[in-house]
Amino acid sequence: MRIRVPTVILSLVVASAVYAAPVTPNPSHLEKRGWAADQLEKLFTKAISTLECGACVAALVGAKDIAYLNKNWVLSAVTGLCKQFKIMPEDVCTGLVYSQGPVLINAVMQANLLSGDGKIICHQILGACPAQGVTSGALSFPKPKPVNIQPPTHSGNLIDVLHLSDWHVDNEYVVGAEGDCNRPLCCRKYADSPLNPKRPASTWGDYKCDSPIKLGVDLLKFVPKVANISFSILTGDVPPHDIWLQTKESVVIVEEIAYNTMQEGLATKVYPTVGNHETGPV
């Protein structure tokens, strides 16, 4: 899709006229210094500081228009605001926006923001708009429902199956590290971790942390004591919640460690599937 620069400027000026101080656009400044990104930052600041529904939708409209020119401008503006409002530590702001943001921007670019999609997004992200009602619609299936289906005859033999889900074992869990930190995932040694934690991480985990390796290993050791399992199923979500640090390579390493741990701890086959934490964005 080809987007004319004056058209994008016009849409931002209209939004800015309502939610920000008037600014005279200069196309050359847009190309050289990111004038549009400055305007976008004003729109997002208004949305975050007021939590007004209209301001939030206007910010999304501005983000969508700017994304057609340069998606990095949108990512840069959101990262700056995350740091400015101290929503999260700076490293988390940067990692979270640049790892999760590109796919979310693509979703916003496909959304019809002025017909209701914008209010849905603003409600979910900021709570800035009222919850939107569920719309009705017809759901079609690729083929008709089978008729006169007879269930197979039960053999009478019962087996035990181990169902594992949301493994989320943190290989970087450190006993004694801060359990109530300023990041989405604690019980790790970060660069700014306190020398004397106010809530030291215990051997078995903490509320704001993922599970330590010992907890996962001991769980697998305990299973044979209570059940004679025939096989196991793992329904996804293996990596820890450090999504601002994750890459494809890091997730693969975590998956391999987890599967090896299960293979060593269980005497049966494990049939896995993926969850949302195996993909990006989460």
Protein backbone atom coordinates (compact mmCIF):
# COMPACT_ATOMS: atom_id res chain seq x y z
CA MET A 1 0.00 0.00 0.00
CA ARG A 2 1.32 3.44 -0.92
CA ILE A 3 0.76 6.16 1.69
CA ARG A 4 1.20 9.81 0.88
CA VAL A 5 3.15 11.70 3.55
CA PRO A 6 0.74 14.70 3.55
CA THR A 7 -2.19 12.32 4.17
CA VAL A 8 -0.52 10.86 7.25
CA ILE A 9 0.39 14.32 8.50
CA LEU A 10 -3.20 15.46 8.05
CA SER A 11 -4.59 12.58 10.11
CA LEU A 12 -2.14 13.31 12.91
CA VAL A 13 -2.91 17.02 12.83
CA VAL A 14 -6.63 16.29 13.17
CA ALA A 15 -5.99 14.07 16.20
CA SER A 16 -3.50 16.53 17.68
CA ALA A 17 -5.95 19.40 17.33
CA VAL A 18 -8.19 17.68 19.84
CA TYR A 19 -5.71 16.00 22.17
CA ALA A 20 -2.45 17.95 21.87
CA ALA A 21 -1.11 21.42 21.24
CA PRO A 22 -1.31 22.53 17.58
CA VAL A 23 1.90 22.07 15.61
CA THR A 24 2.62 23.11 12.06
CA PRO A 25 3.89 20.04 10.21
CA ASN A 26 6.93 20.18 8.01
CA PRO A 27 7.39 17.24 5.62
CA SER A 28 11.18 17.62 5.53
CA HIS A 29 11.26 17.55 9.32
CA LEU A 30 9.11 14.43 9.20
CA GLU A 31 11.64 12.66 7.01
CA LYS A 32 14.78 13.83 8.82
CA ARG A 33 13.87 14.07 12.49
CA GLY A 34 10.71 12.09 13.02
CA TRP A 35 8.17 14.86 13.40
CA ALA A 36 5.43 12.26 13.20
CA ALA A 37 7.00 10.28 16.04
CA ASP A 38 6.95 13.43 18.19
CA GLN A 39 3.25 13.89 17.48
CA LEU A 40 2.60 10.24 18.23
CA GLU A 41 4.34 10.58 21.57
CA LYS A 42 2.02 13.47 22.47
CA LEU A 43 -1.04 11.40 21.56
CA PHE A 44 0.11 8.42 23.63
CA THR A 45 1.01 10.68 26.56
CA LYS A 46 -2.50 12.12 26.51
CA ALA A 47 -4.03 8.64 26.35
CA ILE A 48 -1.95 7.26 29.23
CA SER A 49 -2.27 10.30 31.49
CA THR A 50 -6.03 10.81 31.06
CA LEU A 51 -7.24 7.27 30.23
CA GLU A 52 -9.89 8.88 28.02
CA CYS A 53 -11.44 6.54 25.48
CA GLY A 54 -11.28 9.07 22.65
CA ALA A 55 -7.67 9.94 23.39
CA CYS A 56 -6.69 6.27 23.36
CA VAL A 57 -8.42 5.59 20.04
CA ALA A 58 -6.81 8.73 18.57
CA ALA A 59 -3.40 7.44 19.64
CA LEU A 60 -4.07 4.10 17.93
CA VAL A 61 -5.16 5.87 14.75
CA GLY A 62 -1.98 7.91 14.81
CA ALA A 63 0.11 4.79 15.45
CA LYS A 64 -1.55 3.01 12.54
CA ASP A 65 -0.87 5.88 10.14
CA ILE A 66 2.75 6.24 11.24
CA ALA A 67 3.30 2.49 11.03
CA TYR A 68 2.68 2.63 7.28
CA LEU A 69 5.63 5.00 7.04
CA ASN A 70 7.98 3.53 9.63
CA LYS A 71 7.07 0.93 12.25
CA ASN A 72 10.22 1.70 14.21
CA TRP A 73 8.91 5.20 14.92
CA VAL A 74 5.94 3.64 16.71
CA LEU A 75 8.15 1.24 18.65
CA SER A 76 10.47 4.08 19.63
CA ALA A 77 7.61 6.27 20.85
CA VAL A 78 6.05 3.49 22.94
CA THR A 79 9.44 2.56 24.41
CA GLY A 80 10.09 6.16 25.37
CA LEU A 81 6.71 6.48 27.08
CA CYS A 82 7.20 3.23 28.97
CA LYS A 83 10.43 4.65 30.37
CA GLN A 84 9.02 8.14 30.92
CA PHE A 85 6.04 6.91 32.95
CA LYS A 86 8.26 4.32 34.68
CA ILE A 87 5.80 1.59 33.78
CA MET A 88 8.67 -0.91 33.92
CA PRO A 89 12.47 -0.78 34.21
CA GLU A 90 14.14 0.54 31.07
CA ASP A 91 15.55 -2.81 29.95
CA VAL A 92 12.10 -4.39 30.25
CA CYS A 93 10.50 -1.53 28.32
CA THR A 94 12.95 -1.91 25.45
CA GLY A 95 12.89 -5.69 25.32
CA LEU A 96 9.13 -6.00 25.68
CA VAL A 97 8.26 -3.42 23.04
CA TYR A 98 10.74 -4.59 20.43
CA SER A 99 10.07 -8.31 20.93
CA GLN A 100 6.28 -8.18 21.18
CA GLY A 101 5.52 -4.91 19.41
CA PRO A 102 6.05 -5.70 15.70
CA VAL A 103 3.32 -8.34 15.53
CA LEU A 104 0.97 -6.18 17.61
CA ILE A 105 1.55 -3.28 15.23
CA ASN A 106 0.59 -5.53 12.33
CA ALA A 107 -2.64 -6.38 14.16
CA VAL A 108 -3.42 -2.69 14.68
CA MET A 109 -2.76 -2.01 11.00
CA GLN A 110 -5.36 -4.64 10.08
CA ALA A 111 -7.93 -3.36 12.60
CA ASN A 112 -10.85 -1.06 11.81
CA LEU A 113 -10.12 1.29 14.68
CA LEU A 114 -13.04 3.69 14.21
CA SER A 115 -15.71 0.99 13.92
CA GLY A 116 -15.17 -0.56 17.35
CA ASP A 117 -11.83 -2.35 17.13
CA GLY A 118 -10.10 0.68 18.64
CA LYS A 119 -12.36 0.66 21.70
CA ILE A 120 -11.80 -3.07 22.19
CA ILE A 121 -8.01 -2.62 22.09
CA CYS A 122 -8.11 0.39 24.42
CA HIS A 123 -10.31 -1.47 26.89
CA GLN A 124 -7.96 -4.46 26.95
CA ILE A 125 -4.71 -2.49 27.17
CA LEU A 126 -5.54 0.59 29.26
CA GLY A 127 -9.11 0.11 30.43
CA ALA A 128 -9.71 3.46 28.75
CA CYS A 129 -12.93 2.45 26.96
CA PRO A 130 -16.00 0.56 28.20
CA ALA A 131 -16.14 -3.15 27.48
CA GLN A 132 -17.71 -3.74 24.10
CA GLY A 133 -20.64 -6.12 23.68
CA VAL A 134 -20.20 -9.47 22.00
CA THR A 135 -21.41 -9.40 18.41
CA SER A 136 -23.37 -12.32 17.01
CA GLY A 137 -22.43 -14.15 13.85
CA ALA A 138 -22.67 -17.43 12.02
CA LEU A 139 -19.91 -20.01 12.39
CA SER A 140 -19.42 -22.42 9.53
CA PHE A 141 -17.63 -25.76 9.67
CA PRO A 142 -15.72 -27.37 6.78
CA LYS A 143 -18.03 -30.38 6.73
CA PRO A 144 -21.31 -31.50 8.35
CA LYS A 145 -21.42 -33.10 11.76
CA PRO A 146 -21.17 -36.91 11.55
CA VAL A 147 -24.37 -38.83 12.24
CA ASN A 148 -24.97 -42.17 13.94
CA ILE A 149 -21.48 -42.29 15.38
CA GLN A 150 -20.93 -45.18 17.77
CA PRO A 151 -18.25 -44.82 20.45
CA PRO A 152 -15.66 -47.61 20.53
CA THR A 153 -16.22 -50.46 22.94
CA HIS A 154 -14.42 -49.96 26.22
CA SER A 155 -11.76 -52.60 26.85
CA GLY A 156 -12.18 -52.35 30.60
CA ASN A 157 -8.48 -51.67 31.11
CA LEU A 158 -7.68 -48.47 32.99
CA ILE A 159 -4.38 -46.62 32.72
CA ASP A 160 -2.82 -43.64 34.45
CA VAL A 161 -1.79 -40.67 32.30
CA LEU A 162 0.30 -37.78 33.58
CA HIS A 163 -0.84 -34.40 32.27
CA LEU A 164 1.78 -31.64 32.58
CA SER A 165 0.96 -28.06 31.66
CA ASP A 166 2.56 -24.64 32.13
CA TRP A 167 5.94 -26.02 33.15
CA HIS A 168 7.48 -22.52 33.39
CA VAL A 169 10.59 -23.72 35.21
CA ASP A 170 13.14 -20.91 35.45
CA ASN A 171 16.69 -22.12 34.83
CA GLU A 172 17.99 -18.79 36.17
CA TYR A 173 16.12 -19.01 39.49
CA VAL A 174 18.43 -18.11 42.37
CA VAL A 175 17.60 -19.08 45.94
CA GLY A 176 17.94 -15.98 48.10
CA ALA A 177 17.44 -13.49 45.26
CA GLU A 178 14.79 -10.76 45.55
CA GLY A 179 11.32 -12.30 45.44
CA ASP A 180 9.47 -8.98 45.22
CA CYS A 181 11.31 -7.08 42.50
CA ASN A 182 10.35 -4.35 40.01
CA ARG A 183 10.21 -6.69 37.01
CA PRO A 184 7.55 -9.08 35.69
CA LEU A 185 9.68 -12.04 36.84
CA CYS A 186 11.63 -12.09 40.11
CA CYS A 187 13.92 -14.51 41.99
CA ARG A 188 16.77 -13.76 39.60
CA LYS A 189 20.01 -11.84 39.89
CA TYR A 190 19.58 -8.67 37.84
CA ALA A 191 22.11 -5.88 37.46
CA ASP A 192 20.19 -3.70 39.93
CA SER A 193 19.17 -6.46 42.36
CA PRO A 194 19.59 -5.43 46.02
CA LEU A 195 22.40 -6.93 48.06
CA ASN A 196 19.99 -7.53 50.93
CA PRO A 197 16.64 -8.72 49.51
CA LYS A 198 13.54 -7.77 51.46
CA ARG A 199 11.90 -11.08 50.49
CA PRO A 200 14.56 -13.70 49.68
CA ALA A 201 13.50 -16.39 47.22
CA SER A 202 12.88 -19.71 48.93
CA THR A 203 13.99 -23.13 47.78
CA TRP A 204 10.52 -23.96 46.49
CA GLY A 205 9.66 -20.72 44.73
CA ASP A 206 7.81 -17.47 45.34
CA TYR A 207 4.58 -15.81 44.25
CA LYS A 208 6.17 -13.40 41.72
CA CYS A 209 8.58 -15.99 40.35
CA ASP A 210 8.54 -19.04 38.14
CA SER A 211 9.36 -22.47 39.54
CA PRO A 212 12.95 -23.35 40.43
CA ILE A 213 14.54 -26.38 38.77
CA LYS A 214 14.49 -28.29 42.06
CA LEU A 215 10.71 -28.05 42.27
CA GLY A 216 10.30 -29.46 38.76
CA VAL A 217 12.78 -32.29 39.33
CA ASP A 218 11.27 -33.24 42.69
CA LEU A 219 7.79 -33.22 41.14
CA LEU A 220 8.89 -35.78 38.55
CA LYS A 221 10.49 -37.92 41.26
CA PHE A 222 7.26 -37.94 43.25
CA VAL A 223 4.95 -39.01 40.40
CA PRO A 224 5.92 -42.75 40.40
CA LYS A 225 5.13 -42.88 44.12
CA VAL A 226 1.46 -42.10 43.53
CA ALA A 227 0.72 -43.43 40.03
CA ASN A 228 1.90 -46.04 37.56
CA ILE A 229 1.67 -43.86 34.48
CA SER A 230 1.58 -45.33 30.98
CA PHE A 231 2.53 -42.11 29.20
CA SER A 232 2.56 -38.34 29.71
CA ILE A 233 1.21 -35.37 27.80
CA LEU A 234 2.64 -31.86 27.98
CA THR A 235 0.25 -29.15 26.81
CA GLY A 236 2.66 -26.29 26.31
CA ASP A 237 3.97 -23.19 28.04
CA VAL A 238 7.45 -24.42 28.94
CA PRO A 239 9.53 -21.18 28.91
CA PRO A 240 9.62 -18.82 31.90
CA HIS A 241 7.87 -15.44 31.88
CA ASP A 242 10.95 -13.40 30.93
CA ILE A 243 9.31 -12.45 27.64
CA TRP A 244 11.30 -9.21 27.30
CA LEU A 245 14.49 -11.29 27.02
CA GLN A 246 13.27 -14.14 24.86
CA THR A 247 14.43 -14.95 21.36
CA LYS A 248 13.79 -17.94 19.15
CA GLU A 249 17.19 -19.33 20.11
CA SER A 250 16.67 -18.89 23.86
CA VAL A 251 13.25 -20.56 23.75
CA VAL A 252 14.70 -23.57 21.89
CA ILE A 253 17.38 -23.97 24.58
CA VAL A 254 14.78 -23.79 27.37
CA GLU A 255 12.60 -26.36 25.60
CA GLU A 256 15.52 -28.77 25.18
CA ILE A 257 16.48 -28.49 28.85
CA ALA A 258 12.87 -29.08 29.93
CA TYR A 259 12.40 -32.12 27.68
CA ASN A 260 15.70 -33.62 28.84
CA THR A 261 14.64 -33.09 32.46
CA MET A 262 11.34 -34.85 31.82
CA GLN A 263 13.04 -37.68 29.95
CA GLU A 264 15.39 -38.26 32.87
CA GLY A 265 12.66 -37.99 35.48
CA LEU A 266 9.95 -40.04 33.80
CA ALA A 267 10.15 -43.64 32.63
CA THR A 268 7.49 -43.09 29.96
CA LYS A 269 7.12 -41.24 26.70
CA VAL A 270 6.06 -37.59 26.80
CA TYR A 271 3.83 -36.28 24.02
CA PRO A 272 4.18 -32.49 23.88
CA THR A 273 2.39 -29.67 22.14
CA VAL A 274 3.11 -25.95 22.05
CA GLY A 275 1.48 -23.18 24.03
CA ASN A 276 1.38 -19.42 23.60
CA HIS A 277 4.72 -19.05 25.40
CA GLU A 278 6.48 -21.07 22.72
CA THR A 279 5.54 -18.46 20.13
CA GLY A 280 6.09 -14.77 19.63
CA PRO A 281 4.58 -12.52 20.61
CA VAL A 282 3.24 -14.21 23.73
